[in-house]
């Protein structure tokens, strides 16, 4: 028997099936290409993100390093500017102010008053329990000076308060120049606060140097570092604060930074041992009603 041959004309469905299969293969191949391209883009995206992250980390590290270098240089300049020796010659000014915090400060200030480096002395920030008589016992050779030419400020609570109370005293007496006495490491902040509160006043520094704090060894002596680093931070905060306030006496910043009001709310005549003596002499208040 002869074989049966089928032509396309005899099997139209077979021809259509072949065409469909061919088109499907083309579509599958095209889909595989898109899938391959997407798969290839994913590692590239991850690589680009990692590169951007590394770049950001490098920029941040460089910024931190630059900030630390700037801070270190500024601290070194601050430390180098602290006087390691007391001045040999002190010019005369209208008056003298000493900021309490060390017994030698007050003694040096009284000595400057006795040497006629100023007509009057203000001891600012005196402890409320310290009387004029006690100061006279500590400085017996200067008893007459303490009686005639020394004023005691009991209201100042910190360096900002020292500047505020000194300004009141200066304006009361009409002084135009002031000899400022405090420890050498404390002097930059005191001068900054005083200049901020009294920009019209001529200030002359008289740093007090003690053996307890060696400013020349600020980079390797722990005893010096633990004093000077906090003082440097306070000095920078004071300088920054002065840019945002017009008057420390009415500023909220001075209260926030100092942790309390820089001066006592009590009137000056009601603070100190003498005020306590007067209150005891008056006796108890009469009953009300």
C-alpha atoms as a PDB file:
ATOM      1  CA  UNK A   1       0.000   0.000   0.000  1.00  0.00           C
ATOM      2  CA  UNK A   2       1.337   3.456  -0.821  1.00  0.00           C
ATOM      3  CA  UNK A   3       1.984   5.782   2.156  1.00  0.00           C
ATOM      4  CA  UNK A   4      -0.447   8.568   2.799  1.00  0.00           C
ATOM      5  CA  UNK A   5       1.121  12.043   2.568  1.00  0.00           C
ATOM      6  CA  UNK A   6      -0.473  15.052   4.210  1.00  0.00           C
ATOM      7  CA  UNK A   7       0.124  18.526   2.878  1.00  0.00           C
ATOM      8  CA  UNK A   8      -0.491  21.859   4.506  1.00  0.00           C
ATOM      9  CA  UNK A   9      -3.637  22.167   2.534  1.00  0.00           C
ATOM     10  CA  UNK A  10      -4.884  18.956   4.058  1.00  0.00           C
ATOM     11  CA  UNK A  11      -3.940  19.962   7.719  1.00  0.00           C
ATOM     12  CA  UNK A  12      -4.521  23.672   8.243  1.00  0.00           C
ATOM     13  CA  UNK A  13      -4.600  23.176  12.027  1.00  0.00           C
ATOM     14  CA  UNK A  14      -1.079  21.794  12.009  1.00  0.00           C
ATOM     15  CA  UNK A  15       0.216  24.878  10.206  1.00  0.00           C
ATOM     16  CA  UNK A  16      -1.421  27.213  12.674  1.00  0.00           C
ATOM     17  CA  UNK A  17       0.020  25.212  15.602  1.00  0.00           C
ATOM     18  CA  UNK A  18       3.527  25.513  14.183  1.00  0.00           C
ATOM     19  CA  UNK A  19       3.155  29.275  13.803  1.00  0.00           C
ATOM     20  CA  UNK A  20       1.875  29.611  17.379  1.00  0.00           C
ATOM     21  CA  UNK A  21       4.752  27.568  18.791  1.00  0.00           C
ATOM     22  CA  UNK A  22       7.248  29.684  16.878  1.00  0.00           C
ATOM     23  CA  UNK A  23       5.735  32.932  18.156  1.00  0.00           C
ATOM     24  CA  UNK A  24       5.692  31.573  21.705  1.00  0.00           C
ATOM     25  CA  UNK A  25       9.356  30.695  21.524  1.00  0.00           C
ATOM     26  CA  UNK A  26      10.148  34.206  20.340  1.00  0.00           C
ATOM     27  CA  UNK A  27       8.159  35.665  23.223  1.00  0.00           C
ATOM     28  CA  UNK A  28       9.874  33.344  25.722  1.00  0.00           C
ATOM     29  CA  UNK A  29      13.247  34.298  24.386  1.00  0.00           C
ATOM     30  CA  UNK A  30      12.381  37.996  24.634  1.00  0.00           C
ATOM     31  CA  UNK A  31      11.210  37.523  28.224  1.00  0.00           C
ATOM     32  CA  UNK A  32      14.420  35.764  29.126  1.00  0.00           C
ATOM     33  CA  UNK A  33      16.397  38.686  27.765  1.00  0.00           C
ATOM     34  CA  UNK A  34      14.469  41.195  29.927  1.00  0.00           C
ATOM     35  CA  UNK A  35      14.848  38.929  32.954  1.00  0.00           C
ATOM     36  CA  UNK A  36      18.565  38.632  32.328  1.00  0.00           C
ATOM     37  CA  UNK A  37      18.920  42.419  32.008  1.00  0.00           C
ATOM     38  CA  UNK A  38      17.014  43.006  35.271  1.00  0.00           C
ATOM     39  CA  UNK A  39      19.120  40.396  37.044  1.00  0.00           C
ATOM     40  CA  UNK A  40      22.267  42.101  35.785  1.00  0.00           C
ATOM     41  CA  UNK A  41      21.065  45.514  37.006  1.00  0.00           C
ATOM     42  CA  UNK A  42      20.505  44.348  40.615  1.00  0.00           C
ATOM     43  CA  UNK A  43      24.202  43.785  41.477  1.00  0.00           C
ATOM     44  CA  UNK A  44      25.037  47.068  39.760  1.00  0.00           C
ATOM     45  CA  UNK A  45      22.481  48.900  41.951  1.00  0.00           C
ATOM     46  CA  UNK A  46      23.832  47.266  45.090  1.00  0.00           C
ATOM     47  CA  UNK A  47      27.375  48.173  44.095  1.00  0.00           C
ATOM     48  CA  UNK A  48      26.369  51.794  43.434  1.00  0.00           C
ATOM     49  CA  UNK A  49      24.605  52.055  46.820  1.00  0.00           C
ATOM     50  CA  UNK A  50      27.623  50.637  48.638  1.00  0.00           C
ATOM     51  CA  UNK A  51      29.883  53.108  46.834  1.00  0.00           C
ATOM     52  CA  UNK A  52      27.681  56.030  47.858  1.00  0.00           C
ATOM     53  CA  UNK A  53      27.657  54.774  51.460  1.00  0.00           C
ATOM     54  CA  UNK A  54      31.443  54.511  51.489  1.00  0.00           C
ATOM     55  CA  UNK A  55      31.719  58.021  50.055  1.00  0.00           C
ATOM     56  CA  UNK A  56      29.382  59.412  52.715  1.00  0.00           C
ATOM     57  CA  UNK A  57      31.342  57.644  55.464  1.00  0.00           C
ATOM     58  CA  UNK A  58      34.602  59.061  54.134  1.00  0.00           C
ATOM     59  CA  UNK A  59      33.202  62.601  54.003  1.00  0.00           C
ATOM     60  CA  UNK A  60      31.808  62.257  57.552  1.00  0.00           C
ATOM     61  CA  UNK A  61      35.133  60.928  58.855  1.00  0.00           C
ATOM     62  CA  UNK A  62      37.011  63.802  57.214  1.00  0.00           C
ATOM     63  CA  UNK A  63      34.565  66.320  58.705  1.00  0.00           C
ATOM     64  CA  UNK A  64      34.977  64.847  62.199  1.00  0.00           C
ATOM     65  CA  UNK A  65      38.771  64.808  61.832  1.00  0.00           C
ATOM     66  CA  UNK A  66      38.768  68.437  60.673  1.00  0.00           C
ATOM     67  CA  UNK A  67      36.548  69.457  63.612  1.00  0.00           C
ATOM     68  CA  UNK A  68      38.820  67.660  66.099  1.00  0.00           C
ATOM     69  CA  UNK A  69      41.919  69.253  64.616  1.00  0.00           C
ATOM     70  CA  UNK A  70      40.316  72.701  64.770  1.00  0.00           C
ATOM     71  CA  UNK A  71      39.190  72.123  68.356  1.00  0.00           C
ATOM     72  CA  UNK A  72      42.629  70.870  69.365  1.00  0.00           C
ATOM     73  CA  UNK A  73      44.347  73.833  67.735  1.00  0.00           C
ATOM     74  CA  UNK A  74      41.949  76.267  69.443  1.00  0.00           C
ATOM     75  CA  UNK A  75      42.518  74.633  72.843  1.00  0.00           C
ATOM     76  CA  UNK A  76      46.285  74.760  72.332  1.00  0.00           C
ATOM     77  CA  UNK A  77      46.046  78.457  71.513  1.00  0.00           C
ATOM     78  CA  UNK A  78      43.883  79.035  74.615  1.00  0.00           C
ATOM     79  CA  UNK A  79      46.339  77.173  76.841  1.00  0.00           C
ATOM     80  CA  UNK A  80      49.354  78.931  75.354  1.00  0.00           C
ATOM     81  CA  UNK A  81      47.740  82.303  76.076  1.00  0.00           C
ATOM     82  CA  UNK A  82      47.494  81.667  79.819  1.00  0.00           C
ATOM     83  CA  UNK A  83      50.155  83.543  81.705  1.00  0.00           C
ATOM     84  CA  UNK A  84      52.655  81.317  83.516  1.00  0.00           C
ATOM     85  CA  UNK A  85      54.079  84.211  85.570  1.00  0.00           C
ATOM     86  CA  UNK A  86      52.585  87.132  87.393  1.00  0.00           C
ATOM     87  CA  UNK A  87      53.265  90.570  85.871  1.00  0.00           C
ATOM     88  CA  UNK A  88      56.343  92.362  87.153  1.00  0.00           C
ATOM     89  CA  UNK A  89      54.823  95.828  86.778  1.00  0.00           C
ATOM     90  CA  UNK A  90      51.131  96.640  87.155  1.00  0.00           C
ATOM     91  CA  UNK A  91      49.706  99.901  85.785  1.00  0.00           C
ATOM     92  CA  UNK A  92      47.475 102.054  87.940  1.00  0.00           C
ATOM     93  CA  UNK A  93      43.745 101.988  87.309  1.00  0.00           C
ATOM     94  CA  UNK A  94      40.747 103.704  88.861  1.00  0.00           C
ATOM     95  CA  UNK A  95      39.794 100.652  90.897  1.00  0.00           C
ATOM     96  CA  UNK A  96      40.480  96.967  91.512  1.00  0.00           C
ATOM     97  CA  UNK A  97      38.170  93.946  91.511  1.00  0.00           C
ATOM     98  CA  UNK A  98      39.049  90.444  92.661  1.00  0.00           C
ATOM     99  CA  UNK A  99      36.923  87.400  91.876  1.00  0.00           C
ATOM    100  CA  UNK A 100      36.878  84.973  94.789  1.00  0.00           C
ATOM    101  CA  UNK A 101      37.840  81.320  94.427  1.00  0.00           C
ATOM    102  CA  UNK A 102      41.273  81.188  96.036  1.00  0.00           C
ATOM    103  CA  UNK A 103      42.775  82.727  99.164  1.00  0.00           C
ATOM    104  CA  UNK A 104      45.817  84.020  97.292  1.00  0.00           C
ATOM    105  CA  UNK A 105      43.619  86.062  94.961  1.00  0.00           C
ATOM    106  CA  UNK A 106      42.242  88.205  97.786  1.00  0.00           C
ATOM    107  CA  UNK A 107      45.672  88.653  99.373  1.00  0.00           C
ATOM    108  CA  UNK A 108      47.197  89.797  96.072  1.00  0.00           C
ATOM    109  CA  UNK A 109      44.323  92.197  95.439  1.00  0.00           C
ATOM    110  CA  UNK A 110      44.658  93.782  98.879  1.00  0.00           C
ATOM    111  CA  UNK A 111      48.406  94.099  98.248  1.00  0.00           C
ATOM    112  CA  UNK A 112      47.706  95.909  94.959  1.00  0.00           C
ATOM    113  CA  UNK A 113      45.322  98.233  96.778  1.00  0.00           C
ATOM    114  CA  UNK A 114      48.055  98.964  99.329  1.00  0.00           C
ATOM    115  CA  UNK A 115      50.465  99.660  96.460  1.00  0.00           C
ATOM    116  CA  UNK A 116      48.047 102.306  95.172  1.00  0.00           C
ATOM    117  CA  UNK A 117      47.231 100.407  91.963  1.00  0.00           C
ATOM    118  CA  UNK A 118      43.628 101.506  92.438  1.00  0.00           C
ATOM    119  CA  UNK A 119      41.615 103.793  94.705  1.00  0.00           C
ATOM    120  CA  UNK A 120      39.123 101.151  95.825  1.00  0.00           C
ATOM    121  CA  UNK A 121      38.749  97.359  95.854  1.00  0.00           C
ATOM    122  CA  UNK A 122      35.704  95.173  95.278  1.00  0.00           C
ATOM    123  CA  UNK A 123      35.851  91.563  96.478  1.00  0.00           C
ATOM    124  CA  UNK A 124      33.160  89.884  94.372  1.00  0.00           C
ATOM    125  CA  UNK A 125      31.455  86.623  95.256  1.00  0.00           C
ATOM    126  CA  UNK A 126      32.210  86.572  98.987  1.00  0.00           C
ATOM    127  CA  UNK A 127      30.742  83.674 100.932  1.00  0.00           C
ATOM    128  CA  UNK A 128      27.746  84.793 102.999  1.00  0.00           C
ATOM    129  CA  UNK A 129      29.397  83.549 106.202  1.00  0.00           C
ATOM    130  CA  UNK A 130      32.643  85.482 105.638  1.00  0.00           C
ATOM    131  CA  UNK A 131      32.739  88.794 107.469  1.00  0.00           C
ATOM    132  CA  UNK A 132      34.962  91.809 107.062  1.00  0.00           C
ATOM    133  CA  UNK A 133      36.474  91.035 110.441  1.00  0.00           C
ATOM    134  CA  UNK A 134      37.438  87.548 109.292  1.00  0.00           C
ATOM    135  CA  UNK A 135      39.152  89.010 106.231  1.00  0.00           C
ATOM    136  CA  UNK A 136      41.003  91.399 108.546  1.00  0.00           C
ATOM    137  CA  UNK A 137      42.211  88.461 110.653  1.00  0.00           C
ATOM    138  CA  UNK A 138      43.509  86.754 107.526  1.00  0.00           C
ATOM    139  CA  UNK A 139      45.217  89.976 106.378  1.00  0.00           C
ATOM    140  CA  UNK A 140      46.174  91.762 109.643  1.00  0.00           C
ATOM    141  CA  UNK A 141      48.525  94.246 107.967  1.00  0.00           C
ATOM    142  CA  UNK A 142      45.669  95.490 105.795  1.00  0.00           C
ATOM    143  CA  UNK A 143      43.047  96.068 108.482  1.00  0.00           C
ATOM    144  CA  UNK A 144      42.879  99.819 107.836  1.00  0.00           C
ATOM    145  CA  UNK A 145      42.507  99.299 104.086  1.00  0.00           C
ATOM    146  CA  UNK A 146      39.713  96.801 104.645  1.00  0.00           C
ATOM    147  CA  UNK A 147      37.922  99.317 106.841  1.00  0.00           C
ATOM    148  CA  UNK A 148      38.164 102.277 104.469  1.00  0.00           C
ATOM    149  CA  UNK A 149      38.531 101.170 100.879  1.00  0.00           C
ATOM    150  CA  UNK A 150      37.181  97.651 100.386  1.00  0.00           C
ATOM    151  CA  UNK A 151      33.645  96.687  99.378  1.00  0.00           C
ATOM    152  CA  UNK A 152      32.258  93.157  99.719  1.00  0.00           C
ATOM    153  CA  UNK A 153      29.881  91.655  97.175  1.00  0.00           C
ATOM    154  CA  UNK A 154      27.820  88.768  98.553  1.00  0.00           C
ATOM    155  CA  UNK A 155      25.312  88.546  95.689  1.00  0.00           C
ATOM    156  CA  UNK A 156      27.380  87.124  92.800  1.00  0.00           C
ATOM    157  CA  UNK A 157      26.939  83.371  92.405  1.00  0.00           C
ATOM    158  CA  UNK A 158      29.200  82.701  89.434  1.00  0.00           C
ATOM    159  CA  UNK A 159      31.435  84.487  86.939  1.00  0.00           C
ATOM    160  CA  UNK A 160      28.445  85.991  85.138  1.00  0.00           C
ATOM    161  CA  UNK A 161      27.244  87.336  88.475  1.00  0.00           C
ATOM    162  CA  UNK A 162      30.719  88.747  89.175  1.00  0.00           C
ATOM    163  CA  UNK A 163      30.451  90.784  85.965  1.00  0.00           C
ATOM    164  CA  UNK A 164      26.941  92.020  86.778  1.00  0.00           C
ATOM    165  CA  UNK A 165      27.756  93.052  90.356  1.00  0.00           C
ATOM    166  CA  UNK A 166      31.031  94.649  89.291  1.00  0.00           C
ATOM    167  CA  UNK A 167      29.177  96.716  86.693  1.00  0.00           C
ATOM    168  CA  UNK A 168      26.811  98.051  89.360  1.00  0.00           C
ATOM    169  CA  UNK A 169      29.756  98.950  91.571  1.00  0.00           C
ATOM    170  CA  UNK A 170      31.683 100.610  88.718  1.00  0.00           C
ATOM    171  CA  UNK A 171      28.695 102.717  87.680  1.00  0.00           C
ATOM    172  CA  UNK A 172      28.005 103.697  91.286  1.00  0.00           C
ATOM    173  CA  UNK A 173      31.520 105.136  91.638  1.00  0.00           C
ATOM    174  CA  UNK A 174      32.024 106.312  88.060  1.00  0.00           C
ATOM    175  CA  UNK A 175      35.176 104.272  87.418  1.00  0.00           C
ATOM    176  CA  UNK A 176      36.552 104.119  83.866  1.00  0.00           C
ATOM    177  CA  UNK A 177      39.357 101.582  84.270  1.00  0.00           C
ATOM    178  CA  UNK A 178      39.572  98.409  86.294  1.00  0.00           C
ATOM    179  CA  UNK A 179      42.363  96.103  87.403  1.00  0.00           C
ATOM    180  CA  UNK A 180      41.000  92.547  87.312  1.00  0.00           C
ATOM    181  CA  UNK A 181      42.512  89.996  89.703  1.00  0.00           C
ATOM    182  CA  UNK A 182      41.844  86.260  89.432  1.00  0.00           C
ATOM    183  CA  UNK A 183      43.707  83.006  88.758  1.00  0.00           C
ATOM    184  CA  UNK A 184      45.622  82.835  85.481  1.00  0.00           C
ATOM    185  CA  UNK A 185      43.553  79.975  84.037  1.00  0.00           C
ATOM    186  CA  UNK A 186      40.316  81.786  84.991  1.00  0.00           C
ATOM    187  CA  UNK A 187      41.370  85.140  83.521  1.00  0.00           C
ATOM    188  CA  UNK A 188      40.257  84.616  79.868  1.00  0.00           C
ATOM    189  CA  UNK A 189      36.671  83.855  80.918  1.00  0.00           C
ATOM    190  CA  UNK A 190      36.550  86.680  83.457  1.00  0.00           C
ATOM    191  CA  UNK A 191      37.800  89.209  80.917  1.00  0.00           C
ATOM    192  CA  UNK A 192      35.293  87.917  78.371  1.00  0.00           C
ATOM    193  CA  UNK A 193      32.368  88.253  80.811  1.00  0.00           C
ATOM    194  CA  UNK A 194      33.502  91.681  82.027  1.00  0.00           C
ATOM    195  CA  UNK A 195      34.038  93.008  78.499  1.00  0.00           C
ATOM    196  CA  UNK A 196      30.592  91.746  77.521  1.00  0.00           C
ATOM    197  CA  UNK A 197      28.909  93.428  80.508  1.00  0.00           C
ATOM    198  CA  UNK A 198      31.043  96.610  80.424  1.00  0.00           C
ATOM    199  CA  UNK A 199      32.307  97.213  76.878  1.00  0.00           C
ATOM    200  CA  UNK A 200      33.081 100.850  77.648  1.00  0.00           C
ATOM    201  CA  UNK A 201      35.446 100.019  80.532  1.00  0.00           C
ATOM    202  CA  UNK A 202      39.220  99.628  80.186  1.00  0.00           C
ATOM    203  CA  UNK A 203      40.224  96.303  81.713  1.00  0.00           C
ATOM    204  CA  UNK A 204      43.744  95.427  82.878  1.00  0.00           C
ATOM    205  CA  UNK A 205      44.497  91.822  83.781  1.00  0.00           C
ATOM    206  CA  UNK A 206      46.502  90.811  86.834  1.00  0.00           C
ATOM    207  CA  UNK A 207      46.649  86.983  86.780  1.00  0.00           C
ATOM    208  CA  UNK A 208      47.448  85.139  89.995  1.00  0.00           C
ATOM    209  CA  UNK A 209      49.790  82.167  89.488  1.00  0.00           C
ATOM    210  CA  UNK A 210      49.996  79.323  92.004  1.00  0.00           C
ATOM    211  CA  UNK A 211      52.130  76.217  92.273  1.00  0.00           C
ATOM    212  CA  UNK A 212      49.035  73.995  92.250  1.00  0.00           C
ATOM    213  CA  UNK A 213      48.393  74.592  88.534  1.00  0.00           C
ATOM    214  CA  UNK A 214      51.218  74.602  85.985  1.00  0.00           C
ATOM    215  CA  UNK A 215      49.868  76.057  82.740  1.00  0.00           C
ATOM    216  CA  UNK A 216      53.083  75.243  80.871  1.00  0.00           C
ATOM    217  CA  UNK A 217      52.386  71.505  81.200  1.00  0.00           C
ATOM    218  CA  UNK A 218      48.853  71.572  79.836  1.00  0.00           C
ATOM    219  CA  UNK A 219      49.486  68.745  77.359  1.00  0.00           C
ATOM    220  CA  UNK A 220      50.986  66.131  79.715  1.00  0.00           C
ATOM    221  CA  UNK A 221      50.113  67.064  83.312  1.00  0.00           C
ATOM    222  CA  UNK A 222      46.780  65.587  84.384  1.00  0.00           C
ATOM    223  CA  UNK A 223      46.505  68.083  87.256  1.00  0.00           C
ATOM    224  CA  UNK A 224      46.618  70.891  84.682  1.00  0.00           C
ATOM    225  CA  UNK A 225      44.419  69.199  82.083  1.00  0.00           C
ATOM    226  CA  UNK A 226      41.544  68.530  84.499  1.00  0.00           C
ATOM    227  CA  UNK A 227      41.467  72.243  85.377  1.00  0.00           C
ATOM    228  CA  UNK A 228      42.091  73.783  81.982  1.00  0.00           C
ATOM    229  CA  UNK A 229      39.863  71.654  79.747  1.00  0.00           C
ATOM    230  CA  UNK A 230      36.632  72.467  81.679  1.00  0.00           C
ATOM    231  CA  UNK A 231      37.746  76.102  81.851  1.00  0.00           C
ATOM    232  CA  UNK A 232      38.294  76.152  78.097  1.00  0.00           C
ATOM    233  CA  UNK A 233      34.793  74.759  77.503  1.00  0.00           C
ATOM    234  CA  UNK A 234      33.257  77.376  79.837  1.00  0.00           C
ATOM    235  CA  UNK A 235      35.230  80.119  78.113  1.00  0.00           C
ATOM    236  CA  UNK A 236      33.977  79.056  74.671  1.00  0.00           C
ATOM    237  CA  UNK A 237      30.389  78.798  75.939  1.00  0.00           C
ATOM    238  CA  UNK A 238      30.685  82.314  77.406  1.00  0.00           C
ATOM    239  CA  UNK A 239      31.972  83.689  74.105  1.00  0.00           C
ATOM    240  CA  UNK A 240      29.189  81.966  72.198  1.00  0.00           C
ATOM    241  CA  UNK A 241      26.535  83.156  74.645  1.00  0.00           C
ATOM    242  CA  UNK A 242      27.656  86.769  74.277  1.00  0.00           C
ATOM    243  CA  UNK A 243      26.799  86.590  70.566  1.00  0.00           C
ATOM    244  CA  UNK A 244      23.122  85.941  71.329  1.00  0.00           C
ATOM    245  CA  UNK A 245      22.414  88.164  74.324  1.00  0.00           C
ATOM    246  CA  UNK A 246      22.579  91.911  74.750  1.00  0.00           C
ATOM    247  CA  UNK A 247      22.745  92.026  78.546  1.00  0.00           C
ATOM    248  CA  UNK A 248      23.671  89.134  80.891  1.00  0.00           C
ATOM    249  CA  UNK A 249      21.519  90.577  83.673  1.00  0.00           C
ATOM    250  CA  UNK A 250      18.277  90.214  81.686  1.00  0.00           C
ATOM    251  CA  UNK A 251      19.221  87.152  79.648  1.00  0.00           C
ATOM    252  CA  UNK A 252      17.595  83.753  80.025  1.00  0.00           C
ATOM    253  CA  UNK A 253      20.723  82.163  78.582  1.00  0.00           C
ATOM    254  CA  UNK A 254      22.791  83.218  81.594  1.00  0.00           C
ATOM    255  CA  UNK A 255      20.284  81.466  83.875  1.00  0.00           C
ATOM    256  CA  UNK A 256      20.123  78.306  81.736  1.00  0.00           C
ATOM    257  CA  UNK A 257      23.884  77.974  81.339  1.00  0.00           C
ATOM    258  CA  UNK A 258      24.674  78.866  84.949  1.00  0.00           C
ATOM    259  CA  UNK A 259      21.949  76.587  86.293  1.00  0.00           C
ATOM    260  CA  UNK A 260      20.455  79.430  88.361  1.00  0.00           C
ATOM    261  CA  UNK A 261      20.273  83.203  88.457  1.00  0.00           C
ATOM    262  CA  UNK A 262      23.796  84.662  88.357  1.00  0.00           C
ATOM    263  CA  UNK A 263      23.074  86.986  91.283  1.00  0.00           C
ATOM    264  CA  UNK A 264      21.128  86.394  94.476  1.00  0.00           C
ATOM    265  CA  UNK A 265      17.609  87.847  94.487  1.00  0.00           C
ATOM    266  CA  UNK A 266      18.203  89.163  98.015  1.00  0.00           C
ATOM    267  CA  UNK A 267      19.034  92.872  98.387  1.00  0.00           C
ATOM    268  CA  UNK A 268      22.729  93.504  99.070  1.00  0.00           C
ATOM    269  CA  UNK A 269      22.051  94.954 102.528  1.00  0.00           C
ATOM    270  CA  UNK A 270      20.311  91.735 103.622  1.00  0.00           C
ATOM    271  CA  UNK A 271      23.184  89.365 102.828  1.00  0.00           C
ATOM    272  CA  UNK A 272      26.266  88.592 104.885  1.00  0.00           C
ATOM    273  CA  UNK A 273      27.205  88.196 108.548  1.00  0.00           C
ATOM    274  CA  UNK A 274      26.607  91.887 109.307  1.00  0.00           C
ATOM    275  CA  UNK A 275      23.027  91.591 108.070  1.00  0.00           C
ATOM    276  CA  UNK A 276      22.562  88.502 110.251  1.00  0.00           C
ATOM    277  CA  UNK A 277      23.843  90.428 113.287  1.00  0.00           C
ATOM    278  CA  UNK A 278      21.439  93.287 112.596  1.00  0.00           C
ATOM    279  CA  UNK A 279      18.503  90.887 112.307  1.00  0.00           C
ATOM    280  CA  UNK A 280      19.397  89.284 115.663  1.00  0.00           C
ATOM    281  CA  UNK A 281      19.696  92.707 117.330  1.00  0.00           C
ATOM    282  CA  UNK A 282      16.236  93.686 116.103  1.00  0.00           C
ATOM    283  CA  UNK A 283      14.805  90.583 117.704  1.00  0.00           C
ATOM    284  CA  UNK A 284      11.858  88.524 116.489  1.00  0.00           C
ATOM    285  CA  UNK A 285       9.168  90.167 114.393  1.00  0.00           C
ATOM    286  CA  UNK A 286       5.997  91.099 116.268  1.00  0.00           C
ATOM    287  CA  UNK A 287       3.007  88.811 115.748  1.00  0.00           C
ATOM    288  CA  UNK A 288       0.713  89.721 112.885  1.00  0.00           C
ATOM    289  CA  UNK A 289      -3.020  90.374 113.230  1.00  0.00           C
END
